Amino acid sequence: MEELQRKLMVDRIAIVKARYQSSASAKSKVLGNLVYEYIALPGVTKDDPTSVKRFVTPTDSGRFRVYVEEHAKFTDLSVEHYSNIVVTASDGVRKLTIS
């Protein structure tokens, strides 16, 4: 795996062999044959070369704000969070079919 990562110049490779019982006599792959390929780096900004980015709008309390409403028989917990996942380069995501 490490040699393949070096050859492909990628940080991570995942092989999923999991199957599920799709009928009484057959098993199917958990994941399909589609692979989406793109550049992704941790700690990115809007100007770096990655293709897919997550933009977060912070609240007054940070990235998340939690609301607690207590009632006689239950308690409501609500979490406020604003983020968008954006493809910033139209040619930056490739869809491949692997068999």
PDB file of N, CA and C in Angstrom:
ATOM      1  N   MET A   1       0.823  -1.196   0.000  1.00  0.00           N
ATOM      2  CA  MET A   1       0.000   0.000   0.000  1.00  0.00           C
ATOM      3  C   MET A   1       0.867   1.260   0.000  1.00  0.00           C
ATOM      4  N   GLU A   2       1.930   1.269   0.816  1.00  0.00           N
ATOM      5  CA  GLU A   2       2.790   2.449   0.877  1.00  0.00           C
ATOM      6  C   GLU A   2       3.485   2.705  -0.453  1.00  0.00           C
ATOM      7  N   GLU A   3       3.900   1.649  -1.118  1.00  0.00           N
ATOM      8  CA  GLU A   3       4.558   1.803  -2.418  1.00  0.00           C
ATOM      9  C   GLU A   3       3.579   2.349  -3.461  1.00  0.00           C
ATOM     10  N   LEU A   4       2.346   1.875  -3.431  1.00  0.00           N
ATOM     11  CA  LEU A   4       1.321   2.366  -4.350  1.00  0.00           C
ATOM     12  C   LEU A   4       1.004   3.835  -4.070  1.00  0.00           C
ATOM     13  N   GLN A   5       0.931   4.213  -2.795  1.00  0.00           N
ATOM     14  CA  GLN A   5       0.712   5.618  -2.434  1.00  0.00           C
ATOM     15  C   GLN A   5       1.816   6.505  -2.993  1.00  0.00           C
ATOM     16  N   ARG A   6       3.055   6.063  -2.849  1.00  0.00           N
ATOM     17  CA  ARG A   6       4.182   6.844  -3.380  1.00  0.00           C
ATOM     18  C   ARG A   6       4.105   6.944  -4.897  1.00  0.00           C
ATOM     19  N   LYS A   7       3.792   5.835  -5.556  1.00  0.00           N
ATOM     20  CA  LYS A   7       3.725   5.834  -7.021  1.00  0.00           C
ATOM     21  C   LYS A   7       2.614   6.748  -7.531  1.00  0.00           C
ATOM     22  N   LEU A   8       1.462   6.738  -6.871  1.00  0.00           N
ATOM     23  CA  LEU A   8       0.338   7.574  -7.282  1.00  0.00           C
ATOM     24  C   LEU A   8       0.413   8.986  -6.714  1.00  0.00           C
ATOM     25  N   MET A   9       1.370   9.213  -5.793  1.00  0.00           N
ATOM     26  CA  MET A   9       1.560  10.508  -5.121  1.00  0.00           C
ATOM     27  C   MET A   9       0.291  10.930  -4.383  1.00  0.00           C
ATOM     28  N   VAL A  10      -0.244  10.011  -3.581  1.00  0.00           N
ATOM     29  CA  VAL A  10      -1.438  10.295  -2.779  1.00  0.00           C
ATOM     30  C   VAL A  10      -1.120  10.028  -1.317  1.00  0.00           C
ATOM     31  N   ASP A  11      -1.912  10.636  -0.428  1.00  0.00           N
ATOM     32  CA  ASP A  11      -1.712  10.462   1.007  1.00  0.00           C
ATOM     33  C   ASP A  11      -2.384   9.215   1.552  1.00  0.00           C
ATOM     34  N   ARG A  12      -3.475   8.799   0.887  1.00  0.00           N
ATOM     35  CA  ARG A  12      -4.240   7.685   1.463  1.00  0.00           C
ATOM     36  C   ARG A  12      -4.910   6.872   0.363  1.00  0.00           C
ATOM     37  N   ILE A  13      -4.930   5.575   0.547  1.00  0.00           N
ATOM     38  CA  ILE A  13      -5.638   4.654  -0.337  1.00  0.00           C
ATOM     39  C   ILE A  13      -6.518   3.784   0.542  1.00  0.00           C
ATOM     40  N   ALA A  14      -7.748   3.579   0.121  1.00  0.00           N
ATOM     41  CA  ALA A  14      -8.663   2.714   0.879  1.00  0.00           C
ATOM     42  C   ALA A  14      -9.178   1.612  -0.034  1.00  0.00           C
ATOM     43  N   ILE A  15      -9.114   0.390   0.435  1.00  0.00           N
ATOM     44  CA  ILE A  15      -9.665  -0.748  -0.286  1.00  0.00           C
ATOM     45  C   ILE A  15     -10.826  -1.275   0.542  1.00  0.00           C
ATOM     46  N   VAL A  16     -11.999  -1.302  -0.058  1.00  0.00           N
ATOM     47  CA  VAL A  16     -13.201  -1.757   0.654  1.00  0.00           C
ATOM     48  C   VAL A  16     -13.670  -3.049   0.000  1.00  0.00           C
ATOM     49  N   LYS A  17     -13.603  -4.132   0.760  1.00  0.00           N
ATOM     50  CA  LYS A  17     -14.033  -5.436   0.249  1.00  0.00           C
ATOM     51  C   LYS A  17     -15.345  -5.879   0.885  1.00  0.00           C
ATOM     52  N   ALA A  18     -15.953  -5.025   1.667  1.00  0.00           N
ATOM     53  CA  ALA A  18     -17.163  -5.397   2.408  1.00  0.00           C
ATOM     54  C   ALA A  18     -18.315  -5.714   1.455  1.00  0.00           C
ATOM     55  N   ARG A  19     -19.106  -6.692   1.829  1.00  0.00           N
ATOM     56  CA  ARG A  19     -20.286  -7.114   1.072  1.00  0.00           C
ATOM     57  C   ARG A  19     -21.470  -7.186   2.019  1.00  0.00           C
ATOM     58  N   TYR A  20     -22.683  -7.145   1.463  1.00  0.00           N
ATOM     59  CA  TYR A  20     -23.891  -7.357   2.260  1.00  0.00           C
ATOM     60  C   TYR A  20     -24.792  -8.338   1.550  1.00  0.00           C
ATOM     61  N   GLN A  21     -25.668  -8.986   2.306  1.00  0.00           N
ATOM     62  CA  GLN A  21     -26.581  -9.988   1.768  1.00  0.00           C
ATOM     63  C   GLN A  21     -27.724  -9.263   1.069  1.00  0.00           C
ATOM     64  N   SER A  22     -27.679  -9.154  -0.268  1.00  0.00           N
ATOM     65  CA  SER A  22     -28.688  -8.407  -1.021  1.00  0.00           C
ATOM     66  C   SER A  22     -29.900  -9.258  -1.387  1.00  0.00           C
ATOM     67  N   SER A  23     -29.741 -10.553  -1.374  1.00  0.00           N
ATOM     68  CA  SER A  23     -30.872 -11.473  -1.579  1.00  0.00           C
ATOM     69  C   SER A  23     -30.530 -12.777  -0.884  1.00  0.00           C
ATOM     70  N   ALA A  24     -31.429 -13.738  -0.965  1.00  0.00           N
ATOM     71  CA  ALA A  24     -31.192 -15.005  -0.274  1.00  0.00           C
ATOM     72  C   ALA A  24     -29.961 -15.731  -0.798  1.00  0.00           C
ATOM     73  N   SER A  25     -29.612 -15.499  -2.068  1.00  0.00           N
ATOM     74  CA  SER A  25     -28.496 -16.242  -2.652  1.00  0.00           C
ATOM     75  C   SER A  25     -27.357 -15.358  -3.179  1.00  0.00           C
ATOM     76  N   ALA A  26     -27.421 -14.058  -2.931  1.00  0.00           N
ATOM     77  CA  ALA A  26     -26.388 -13.181  -3.494  1.00  0.00           C
ATOM     78  C   ALA A  26     -25.889 -12.157  -2.484  1.00  0.00           C
ATOM     79  N   LYS A  27     -24.633 -11.776  -2.681  1.00  0.00           N
ATOM     80  CA  LYS A  27     -24.043 -10.700  -1.894  1.00  0.00           C
ATOM     81  C   LYS A  27     -23.623  -9.594  -2.851  1.00  0.00           C
ATOM     82  N   SER A  28     -23.763  -8.347  -2.406  1.00  0.00           N
ATOM     83  CA  SER A  28     -23.405  -7.198  -3.227  1.00  0.00           C
ATOM     84  C   SER A  28     -22.358  -6.363  -2.509  1.00  0.00           C
ATOM     85  N   LYS A  29     -21.608  -5.575  -3.285  1.00  0.00           N
ATOM     86  CA  LYS A  29     -20.596  -4.691  -2.709  1.00  0.00           C
ATOM     87  C   LYS A  29     -21.276  -3.576  -1.916  1.00  0.00           C
ATOM     88  N   VAL A  30     -20.676  -3.205  -0.799  1.00  0.00           N
ATOM     89  CA  VAL A  30     -21.186  -2.090   0.001  1.00  0.00           C
ATOM     90  C   VAL A  30     -21.010  -0.789  -0.774  1.00  0.00           C
ATOM     91  N   LEU A  31     -19.869  -0.619  -1.405  1.00  0.00           N
ATOM     92  CA  LEU A  31     -19.615   0.553  -2.236  1.00  0.00           C
ATOM     93  C   LEU A  31     -19.711   0.164  -3.703  1.00  0.00           C
ATOM     94  N   GLY A  32     -20.142   1.094  -4.530  1.00  0.00           N
ATOM     95  CA  GLY A  32     -20.259   0.835  -5.955  1.00  0.00           C
ATOM     96  C   GLY A  32     -18.927   0.936  -6.668  1.00  0.00           C
ATOM     97  N   ASN A  33     -18.975   1.044  -7.985  1.00  0.00           N
ATOM     98  CA  ASN A  33     -17.770   1.105  -8.803  1.00  0.00           C
ATOM     99  C   ASN A  33     -17.336   2.518  -9.144  1.00  0.00           C
ATOM    100  N   LEU A  34     -18.004   3.529  -8.579  1.00  0.00           N
ATOM    101  CA  LEU A  34     -17.638   4.910  -8.874  1.00  0.00           C
ATOM    102  C   LEU A  34     -16.583   5.422  -7.901  1.00  0.00           C
ATOM    103  N   VAL A  35     -15.622   6.152  -8.432  1.00  0.00           N
ATOM    104  CA  VAL A  35     -14.582   6.788  -7.632  1.00  0.00           C
ATOM    105  C   VAL A  35     -14.544   8.253  -8.026  1.00  0.00           C
ATOM    106  N   TYR A  36     -14.539   9.137  -7.036  1.00  0.00           N
ATOM    107  CA  TYR A  36     -14.394  10.565  -7.284  1.00  0.00           C
ATOM    108  C   TYR A  36     -12.999  10.963  -6.865  1.00  0.00           C
ATOM    109  N   GLU A  37     -12.269  11.570  -7.770  1.00  0.00           N
ATOM    110  CA  GLU A  37     -10.876  11.919  -7.534  1.00  0.00           C
ATOM    111  C   GLU A  37     -10.738  13.442  -7.499  1.00  0.00           C
ATOM    112  N   TYR A  38     -10.064  13.943  -6.452  1.00  0.00           N
ATOM    113  CA  TYR A  38      -9.855  15.381  -6.331  1.00  0.00           C
ATOM    114  C   TYR A  38      -8.696  15.641  -5.383  1.00  0.00           C
ATOM    115  N   ILE A  39      -8.180  16.862  -5.422  1.00  0.00           N
ATOM    116  CA  ILE A  39      -7.104  17.270  -4.519  1.00  0.00           C
ATOM    117  C   ILE A  39      -7.733  17.796  -3.241  1.00  0.00           C
ATOM    118  N   ALA A  40      -7.262  17.332  -2.095  1.00  0.00           N
ATOM    119  CA  ALA A  40      -7.758  17.805  -0.805  1.00  0.00           C
ATOM    120  C   ALA A  40      -6.587  17.906   0.167  1.00  0.00           C
ATOM    121  N   LEU A  41      -6.511  19.025   0.858  1.00  0.00           N
ATOM    122  CA  LEU A  41      -5.448  19.260   1.837  1.00  0.00           C
ATOM    123  C   LEU A  41      -6.061  19.771   3.132  1.00  0.00           C
ATOM    124  N   PRO A  42      -5.479  19.436   4.282  1.00  0.00           N
ATOM    125  CA  PRO A  42      -5.997  19.984   5.543  1.00  0.00           C
ATOM    126  C   PRO A  42      -5.601  21.451   5.698  1.00  0.00           C
ATOM    127  N   GLY A  43      -6.421  22.236   6.396  1.00  0.00           N
ATOM    128  CA  GLY A  43      -6.109  23.630   6.699  1.00  0.00           C
ATOM    129  C   GLY A  43      -6.023  24.518   5.475  1.00  0.00           C
ATOM    130  N   VAL A  44      -6.945  24.354   4.536  1.00  0.00           N
ATOM    131  CA  VAL A  44      -6.880  25.087   3.286  1.00  0.00           C
ATOM    132  C   VAL A  44      -7.488  26.481   3.393  1.00  0.00           C
ATOM    133  N   THR A  45      -7.148  27.318   2.437  1.00  0.00           N
ATOM    134  CA  THR A  45      -7.761  28.636   2.290  1.00  0.00           C
ATOM    135  C   THR A  45      -8.418  28.696   0.915  1.00  0.00           C
ATOM    136  N   LYS A  46      -9.118  29.775   0.633  1.00  0.00           N
ATOM    137  CA  LYS A  46      -9.827  29.871  -0.641  1.00  0.00           C
ATOM    138  C   LYS A  46      -8.887  29.979  -1.833  1.00  0.00           C
ATOM    139  N   ASP A  47      -7.618  30.289  -1.617  1.00  0.00           N
ATOM    140  CA  ASP A  47      -6.679  30.497  -2.711  1.00  0.00           C
ATOM    141  C   ASP A  47      -5.746  29.318  -2.987  1.00  0.00           C
ATOM    142  N   ASP A  48      -5.832  28.224  -2.247  1.00  0.00           N
ATOM    143  CA  ASP A  48      -4.925  27.107  -2.501  1.00  0.00           C
ATOM    144  C   ASP A  48      -5.458  26.223  -3.637  1.00  0.00           C
ATOM    145  N   PRO A  49      -4.674  25.254  -4.113  1.00  0.00           N
ATOM    146  CA  PRO A  49      -5.048  24.501  -5.309  1.00  0.00           C
ATOM    147  C   PRO A  49      -6.037  23.357  -5.096  1.00  0.00           C
ATOM    148  N   THR A  50      -6.607  23.198  -3.942  1.00  0.00           N
ATOM    149  CA  THR A  50      -7.540  22.100  -3.740  1.00  0.00           C
ATOM    150  C   THR A  50      -8.811  22.322  -4.545  1.00  0.00           C
ATOM    151  N   SER A  51      -9.521  21.227  -4.825  1.00  0.00           N
ATOM    152  CA  SER A  51     -10.707  21.276  -5.673  1.00  0.00           C
ATOM    153  C   SER A  51     -12.009  21.375  -4.895  1.00  0.00           C
ATOM    154  N   VAL A  52     -12.036  20.814  -3.693  1.00  0.00           N
ATOM    155  CA  VAL A  52     -13.249  20.800  -2.876  1.00  0.00           C
ATOM    156  C   VAL A  52     -12.913  21.438  -1.541  1.00  0.00           C
ATOM    157  N   LYS A  53     -13.699  22.434  -1.140  1.00  0.00           N
ATOM    158  CA  LYS A  53     -13.425  23.144   0.113  1.00  0.00           C
ATOM    159  C   LYS A  53     -14.690  23.233   0.950  1.00  0.00           C
ATOM    160  N   ARG A  54     -14.499  23.311   2.249  1.00  0.00           N
ATOM    161  CA  ARG A  54     -15.614  23.510   3.178  1.00  0.00           C
ATOM    162  C   ARG A  54     -15.427  24.870   3.831  1.00  0.00           C
ATOM    163  N   PHE A  55     -16.393  25.754   3.625  1.00  0.00           N
ATOM    164  CA  PHE A  55     -16.346  27.089   4.211  1.00  0.00           C
ATOM    165  C   PHE A  55     -17.286  27.126   5.414  1.00  0.00           C
ATOM    166  N   VAL A  56     -16.802  27.641   6.534  1.00  0.00           N
ATOM    167  CA  VAL A  56     -17.569  27.678   7.779  1.00  0.00           C
ATOM    168  C   VAL A  56     -17.751  29.130   8.203  1.00  0.00           C
ATOM    169  N   THR A  57     -18.994  29.497   8.542  1.00  0.00           N
ATOM    170  CA  THR A  57     -19.274  30.815   9.105  1.00  0.00           C
ATOM    171  C   THR A  57     -19.409  30.646  10.609  1.00  0.00           C
ATOM    172  N   PRO A  58     -18.501  31.224  11.398  1.00  0.00           N
ATOM    173  CA  PRO A  58     -18.560  31.024  12.842  1.00  0.00           C
ATOM    174  C   PRO A  58     -19.715  31.803  13.482  1.00  0.00           C
ATOM    175  N   THR A  59     -20.188  31.284  14.615  1.00  0.00           N
ATOM    176  CA  THR A  59     -21.191  31.975  15.424  1.00  0.00           C
ATOM    177  C   THR A  59     -20.455  32.797  16.477  1.00  0.00           C
ATOM    178  N   ASP A  60     -21.201  33.478  17.336  1.00  0.00           N
ATOM    179  CA  ASP A  60     -20.571  34.242  18.424  1.00  0.00           C
ATOM    180  C   ASP A  60     -19.826  33.331  19.396  1.00  0.00           C
ATOM    181  N   SER A  61     -20.230  32.048  19.438  1.00  0.00           N
ATOM    182  CA  SER A  61     -19.627  31.089  20.372  1.00  0.00           C
ATOM    183  C   SER A  61     -18.562  30.224  19.727  1.00  0.00           C
ATOM    184  N   GLY A  62     -18.192  30.485  18.481  1.00  0.00           N
ATOM    185  CA  GLY A  62     -17.221  29.644  17.778  1.00  0.00           C
ATOM    186  C   GLY A  62     -17.877  28.995  16.576  1.00  0.00           C
ATOM    187  N   ARG A  63     -17.435  27.786  16.224  1.00  0.00           N
ATOM    188  CA  ARG A  63     -17.975  27.104  15.046  1.00  0.00           C
ATOM    189  C   ARG A  63     -19.375  26.548  15.282  1.00  0.00           C
ATOM    190  N   PHE A  64     -19.719  26.275  16.546  1.00  0.00           N
ATOM    191  CA  PHE A  64     -21.024  25.710  16.892  1.00  0.00           C
ATOM    192  C   PHE A  64     -21.651  26.519  18.008  1.00  0.00           C
ATOM    193  N   ARG A  65     -22.966  26.570  18.015  1.00  0.00           N
ATOM    194  CA  ARG A  65     -23.704  27.147  19.136  1.00  0.00           C
ATOM    195  C   ARG A  65     -24.763  26.121  19.533  1.00  0.00           C
ATOM    196  N   VAL A  66     -24.848  25.838  20.835  1.00  0.00           N
ATOM    197  CA  VAL A  66     -25.788  24.825  21.330  1.00  0.00           C
ATOM    198  C   VAL A  66     -26.874  25.510  22.147  1.00  0.00           C
ATOM    199  N   TYR A  67     -28.125  25.156  21.846  1.00  0.00           N
ATOM    200  CA  TYR A  67     -29.276  25.670  22.590  1.00  0.00           C
ATOM    201  C   TYR A  67     -29.887  24.525  23.378  1.00  0.00           C
ATOM    202  N   VAL A  68     -30.196  24.766  24.649  1.00  0.00           N
ATOM    203  CA  VAL A  68     -30.820  23.758  25.507  1.00  0.00           C
ATOM    204  C   VAL A  68     -32.154  24.306  26.007  1.00  0.00           C
ATOM    205  N   GLU A  69     -33.231  23.583  25.716  1.00  0.00           N
ATOM    206  CA  GLU A  69     -34.570  23.951  26.201  1.00  0.00           C
ATOM    207  C   GLU A  69     -35.094  22.799  27.046  1.00  0.00           C
ATOM    208  N   GLU A  70     -35.206  23.026  28.331  1.00  0.00           N
ATOM    209  CA  GLU A  70     -35.686  21.984  29.229  1.00  0.00           C
ATOM    210  C   GLU A  70     -37.194  22.090  29.407  1.00  0.00           C
ATOM    211  N   HIS A  71     -37.865  20.939  29.291  1.00  0.00           N
ATOM    212  CA  HIS A  71     -39.307  20.828  29.485  1.00  0.00           C
ATOM    213  C   HIS A  71     -39.561  19.831  30.606  1.00  0.00           C
ATOM    214  N   ALA A  72     -40.806  19.669  31.001  1.00  0.00           N
ATOM    215  CA  ALA A  72     -41.130  18.785  32.124  1.00  0.00           C
ATOM    216  C   ALA A  72     -40.730  17.334  31.844  1.00  0.00           C
ATOM    217  N   LYS A  73     -40.974  16.832  30.612  1.00  0.00           N
ATOM    218  CA  LYS A  73     -40.718  15.421  30.317  1.00  0.00           C
ATOM    219  C   LYS A  73     -39.569  15.181  29.334  1.00  0.00           C
ATOM    220  N   PHE A  74     -39.016  16.229  28.787  1.00  0.00           N
ATOM    221  CA  PHE A  74     -37.931  16.052  27.819  1.00  0.00           C
ATOM    222  C   PHE A  74     -37.096  17.327  27.739  1.00  0.00           C
ATOM    223  N   THR A  75     -35.954  17.198  27.101  1.00  0.00           N
ATOM    224  CA  THR A  75     -35.072  18.337  26.876  1.00  0.00           C
ATOM    225  C   THR A  75     -34.741  18.421  25.388  1.00  0.00           C
ATOM    226  N   ASP A  76     -34.918  19.595  24.799  1.00  0.00           N
ATOM    227  CA  ASP A  76     -34.556  19.827  23.399  1.00  0.00           C
ATOM    228  C   ASP A  76     -33.134  20.356  23.331  1.00  0.00           C
ATOM    229  N   LEU A  77     -32.306  19.719  22.500  1.00  0.00           N
ATOM    230  CA  LEU A  77     -30.958  20.205  22.225  1.00  0.00           C
ATOM    231  C   LEU A  77     -30.902  20.569  20.747  1.00  0.00           C
ATOM    232  N   SER A  78     -30.492  21.785  20.443  1.00  0.00           N
ATOM    233  CA  SER A  78     -30.343  22.234  19.061  1.00  0.00           C
ATOM    234  C   SER A  78     -28.924  22.727  18.863  1.00  0.00           C
ATOM    235  N   VAL A  79     -28.360  22.404  17.706  1.00  0.00           N
ATOM    236  CA  VAL A  79     -27.004  22.823  17.386  1.00  0.00           C
ATOM    237  C   VAL A  79     -27.058  23.708  16.146  1.00  0.00           C
ATOM    238  N   GLU A  80     -26.462  24.891  16.249  1.00  0.00           N
ATOM    239  CA  GLU A  80     -26.396  25.830  15.136  1.00  0.00           C
ATOM    240  C   GLU A  80     -25.007  25.759  14.514  1.00  0.00           C
ATOM    241  N   HIS A  81     -24.975  25.559  13.204  1.00  0.00           N
ATOM    242  CA  HIS A  81     -23.696  25.458  12.495  1.00  0.00           C
ATOM    243  C   HIS A  81     -23.934  25.813  11.037  1.00  0.00           C
ATOM    244  N   TYR A  82     -23.105  26.649  10.480  1.00  0.00           N
ATOM    245  CA  TYR A  82     -23.238  27.072   9.087  1.00  0.00           C
ATOM    246  C   TYR A  82     -21.984  26.687   8.318  1.00  0.00           C
ATOM    247  N   SER A  83     -22.151  25.847   7.302  1.00  0.00           N
ATOM    248  CA  SER A  83     -21.013  25.502   6.450  1.00  0.00           C
ATOM    249  C   SER A  83     -21.501  25.121   5.067  1.00  0.00           C
ATOM    250  N   ASN A  84     -20.624  25.289   4.099  1.00  0.00           N
ATOM    251  CA  ASN A  84     -20.892  24.910   2.712  1.00  0.00           C
ATOM    252  C   ASN A  84     -19.702  24.148   2.174  1.00  0.00           C
ATOM    253  N   ILE A  85     -19.976  23.050   1.463  1.00  0.00           N
ATOM    254  CA  ILE A  85     -18.940  22.334   0.754  1.00  0.00           C
ATOM    255  C   ILE A  85     -19.051  22.773  -0.700  1.00  0.00           C
ATOM    256  N   VAL A  86     -17.958  23.328  -1.238  1.00  0.00           N
ATOM    257  CA  VAL A  86     -17.976  23.948  -2.556  1.00  0.00           C
ATOM    258  C   VAL A  86     -16.887  23.331  -3.431  1.00  0.00           C
ATOM    259  N   VAL A  87     -17.245  23.012  -4.671  1.00  0.00           N
ATOM    260  CA  VAL A  87     -16.250  22.606  -5.665  1.00  0.00           C
ATOM    261  C   VAL A  87     -15.743  23.895  -6.307  1.00  0.00           C
ATOM    262  N   THR A  88     -14.485  24.229  -6.056  1.00  0.00           N
ATOM    263  CA  THR A  88     -13.945  25.519  -6.491  1.00  0.00           C
ATOM    264  C   THR A  88     -13.289  25.473  -7.864  1.00  0.00           C
ATOM    265  N   ALA A  89     -13.081  24.293  -8.403  1.00  0.00           N
ATOM    266  CA  ALA A  89     -12.502  24.168  -9.748  1.00  0.00           C
ATOM    267  C   ALA A  89     -13.390  23.209 -10.546  1.00  0.00           C
ATOM    268  N   SER A  90     -13.973  23.679 -11.636  1.00  0.00           N
ATOM    269  CA  SER A  90     -14.915  22.856 -12.395  1.00  0.00           C
ATOM    270  C   SER A  90     -14.270  21.593 -12.947  1.00  0.00           C
ATOM    271  N   ASP A  91     -12.995  21.650 -13.268  1.00  0.00           N
ATOM    272  CA  ASP A  91     -12.308  20.447 -13.761  1.00  0.00           C
ATOM    273  C   ASP A  91     -11.545  19.743 -12.642  1.00  0.00           C
ATOM    274  N   GLY A  92     -11.758  20.144 -11.403  1.00  0.00           N
ATOM    275  CA  GLY A  92     -11.009  19.601 -10.285  1.00  0.00           C
ATOM    276  C   GLY A  92     -11.524  18.293  -9.725  1.00  0.00           C
ATOM    277  N   VAL A  93     -12.708  17.844 -10.132  1.00  0.00           N
ATOM    278  CA  VAL A  93     -13.257  16.579  -9.646  1.00  0.00           C
ATOM    279  C   VAL A  93     -13.459  15.668 -10.846  1.00  0.00           C
ATOM    280  N   ARG A  94     -12.855  14.490 -10.786  1.00  0.00           N
ATOM    281  CA  ARG A  94     -13.026  13.518 -11.864  1.00  0.00           C
ATOM    282  C   ARG A  94     -13.823  12.341 -11.348  1.00  0.00           C
ATOM    283  N   LYS A  95     -14.729  11.855 -12.165  1.00  0.00           N
ATOM    284  CA  LYS A  95     -15.563  10.699 -11.829  1.00  0.00           C
ATOM    285  C   LYS A  95     -15.088   9.517 -12.656  1.00  0.00           C
ATOM    286  N   LEU A  96     -14.661   8.469 -11.971  1.00  0.00           N
ATOM    287  CA  LEU A  96     -14.122   7.287 -12.636  1.00  0.00           C
ATOM    288  C   LEU A  96     -14.968   6.063 -12.316  1.00  0.00           C
ATOM    289  N   THR A  97     -15.118   5.162 -13.251  1.00  0.00           N
ATOM    290  CA  THR A  97     -15.801   3.887 -13.017  1.00  0.00           C
ATOM    291  C   THR A  97     -14.735   2.802 -12.970  1.00  0.00           C
ATOM    292  N   ILE A  98     -14.676   2.099 -11.866  1.00  0.00           N
ATOM    293  CA  ILE A  98     -13.668   1.070 -11.642  1.00  0.00           C
ATOM    294  C   ILE A  98     -14.356  -0.293 -11.607  1.00  0.00           C
ATOM    295  N   SER A  99     -13.800  -1.261 -12.280  1.00  0.00           N
ATOM    296  CA  SER A  99     -14.390  -2.604 -12.225  1.00  0.00           C
ATOM    297  C   SER A  99     -13.339  -3.646 -11.928  1.00  0.00           C
TER     298      SER A  99
END
